[in-house]
Amino acid sequence: MHDGMTLADAELKKRLKILEQEHRDLDMAIEALHSAGSFDQLQILRMKKRKLMLRDQIRHLEDQILPDIIA
């Protein structure tokens, strides 16, 4: 890889993009259900829970990709 990026970094960034897309897709799906007046609260709750898990995974990957900067 170039610019000091290792294969592992490239894989992490690829995985990060996939998770970010899934997070956006879930956000749009939840909004669509709300807009359609869906009363399937269990489905919406499951989607929101999945979205939170994705957010945690995204933050974990970002922490692995971006080293901590000591001020």
Protein backbone atom coordinates (compact mmCIF):
# COMPACT_ATOMS: atom_id res chain seq x y z
CA MET A 1 0.00 0.00 0.00
CA HIS A 2 1.15 3.58 -0.32
CA ASP A 3 1.16 6.61 1.97
CA GLY A 4 2.22 4.40 4.88
CA MET A 5 -1.06 2.47 4.76
CA THR A 6 -0.76 -1.23 5.46
CA LEU A 7 -2.99 -3.94 4.07
CA ALA A 8 -4.58 -4.20 7.52
CA ASP A 9 -5.36 -0.46 7.48
CA ALA A 10 -6.93 -0.80 4.04
CA GLU A 11 -9.10 -3.69 5.25
CA LEU A 12 -10.17 -1.71 8.32
CA LYS A 13 -11.14 1.26 6.14
CA LYS A 14 -13.06 -1.01 3.78
CA ARG A 15 -14.94 -2.55 6.72
CA LEU A 16 -15.58 0.94 8.12
CA LYS A 17 -17.18 2.08 4.86
CA ILE A 18 -19.43 -0.99 4.82
CA LEU A 19 -20.57 -0.38 8.40
CA GLU A 20 -21.16 3.32 7.73
CA GLN A 21 -23.32 2.46 4.72
CA GLU A 22 -25.34 -0.07 6.70
CA HIS A 23 -25.82 2.55 9.43
CA ARG A 24 -27.11 5.09 6.87
CA ASP A 25 -29.38 2.47 5.30
CA LEU A 26 -30.89 1.62 8.67
CA ASP A 27 -31.40 5.30 9.42
CA MET A 28 -33.30 5.74 6.14
CA ALA A 29 -35.35 2.58 6.74
CA ILE A 30 -36.35 3.73 10.23
CA GLU A 31 -37.33 7.15 8.87
CA ALA A 32 -39.36 5.50 6.10
CA LEU A 33 -41.24 3.39 8.64
CA HIS A 34 -41.99 6.47 10.72
CA SER A 35 -43.12 8.40 7.64
CA ALA A 36 -45.38 5.54 6.56
CA GLY A 37 -46.99 5.57 10.01
CA SER A 38 -45.76 2.10 10.87
CA PHE A 39 -46.84 0.88 14.27
CA ASP A 40 -44.48 -2.09 14.26
CA GLN A 41 -42.58 -0.81 17.26
CA LEU A 42 -40.73 -4.10 17.75
CA GLN A 43 -39.26 -3.91 14.24
CA ILE A 44 -38.29 -0.26 14.73
CA LEU A 45 -36.75 -1.07 18.12
CA ARG A 46 -34.68 -3.90 16.62
CA MET A 47 -33.48 -1.61 13.84
CA LYS A 48 -32.50 1.10 16.32
CA LYS A 49 -30.64 -1.46 18.44
CA ARG A 50 -28.75 -2.70 15.36
CA LYS A 51 -27.95 0.92 14.47
CA LEU A 52 -26.46 1.50 17.95
CA MET A 53 -24.35 -1.66 17.65
CA LEU A 54 -23.10 -0.46 14.27
CA ARG A 55 -22.21 2.93 15.74
CA ASP A 56 -20.13 1.20 18.42
CA GLN A 57 -18.36 -0.94 15.80
CA ILE A 58 -17.70 2.16 13.66
CA ARG A 59 -16.16 4.00 16.62
CA HIS A 60 -14.01 0.98 17.46
CA LEU A 61 -12.69 0.78 13.89
CA GLU A 62 -12.07 4.53 13.78
CA ASP A 63 -10.03 4.19 16.97
CA GLN A 64 -7.95 1.44 15.35
CA ILE A 65 -7.38 3.44 12.18
CA LEU A 66 -6.67 6.82 13.76
CA PRO A 67 -3.98 6.63 16.44
CA ASP A 68 -4.54 8.62 19.60
CA ILE A 69 -2.92 12.04 19.50
CA ILE A 70 -1.36 13.06 22.77
CA ALA A 71 -1.71 16.81 23.24
